[in-house]
Amino acid sequence: MNDDDRLTAMLRASNPARTPLDAGPDAAALAVRDRIMGAGHVRPRVLPRVMWVAAAAFVVIAVAAVSILVPRAPAAAVTPAPIAFTSGGTVEEVVRMAEEKLAAAPGPEVPSRFARSESWGLSVDVDEQRSEIVPQVMTLEWNPDLSGRMTVVAGEPYWPAGAARQGEGEATAPGETLSEMEFAAGQWNTPVVDLPGASREDMFALLTAFGMPESPTASDVIQAVTGVFEQWTLTNEQQGQLLRILEESGGMTVLGSGTDRAGRDVVGLETKSIFPGVEDMVLISAETGRIVGVESTRVTPDGIVPAGAVISYRMWGTD
């Protein structure tokens, strides 16, 4: 036995795994992995250059630790409840409704290099053997010289209806700053620096810069829109162009009217994801016509996460 083998044996003896070493990751581990890596199934996002090495190292450490130490639990206990929808309609009717709302509602006069999004993640306390769903709010402000600031703050912990808690107390206090980074000039990395125009061609070029292919599916459009919204706040006119590009991509179905996770009236559109066994949903505000959220749902079981489980969501325009 060499020194590495001895060290491995000592670590295992001091804190033995509670699950077999050959066991696959459970739903809790997958949720942590997906939150770290950007909801797992989503294409890699543009990250600041200074973050690449640290992010990669953190993924390896976090996934390895959680997959060994977190107790196994049903996926239903660690994923949000799906949104309930009523009524239907056609995609064309939904987009025309949104265009009317966008024309009448107030909105930014020009696009801005600012993004604020709320998404869900799983907070895990390994020592206490508990986990809980914690919404997280990311705020990004950046400048033409590629300087900027990014903060991530914890939201109010919650559990879906009927889910069994895996411990008492809170792993993360609401409002706690989870991360904060300042970027000097030239450190922020983005495919589009200049303010985008408002024409269809301008919006198509913006989405293409964020990874959308020339002949996109609806899911391709949703993935690119998500990337754009993580860096930009667009005008109502630009939002309308995005909706038309989404409509033209085809393959969307109308879920109907519902209430999103921020309590807002929305209309949901759904499409088959570019990722196997997953469906992507886009939420449009019934008040403003703006795109205010995206969600992804598992539609086929993968052995760990059951069909019907919400595996990620992201919202924009929340207070």
Foldseek 3Di string as FASTA:
>chain_A
DDPVVVVVVVVCVVPNFPDDPPDDAFLQLLLQLCVLQPLPVFDGFAFFPVCVVVSVVVSVVSSVVCRRQADHDANLQAFAADWAFDDFDFLVVLLVLLLVLQVPDDWDPFKFQKAKKKKWGKAADRVQNWIFIWIKIKIWHAALLGWTKIWIFTADTDTHPPHDGRDDDDNHDGGHIPDMDTGDGPRGDDLDRDGFDLDLVRLVVQLVSQPQDPLHALQSLVSSVVSCNRGMDGGSSNQSSSSVVSVVNDAKTWSHWTADPLRFIWTKIKGCHPDPQKIKIWTAGSNRSGTFKMWMFGQPDPPRHHHGGTSMMMGGPHD
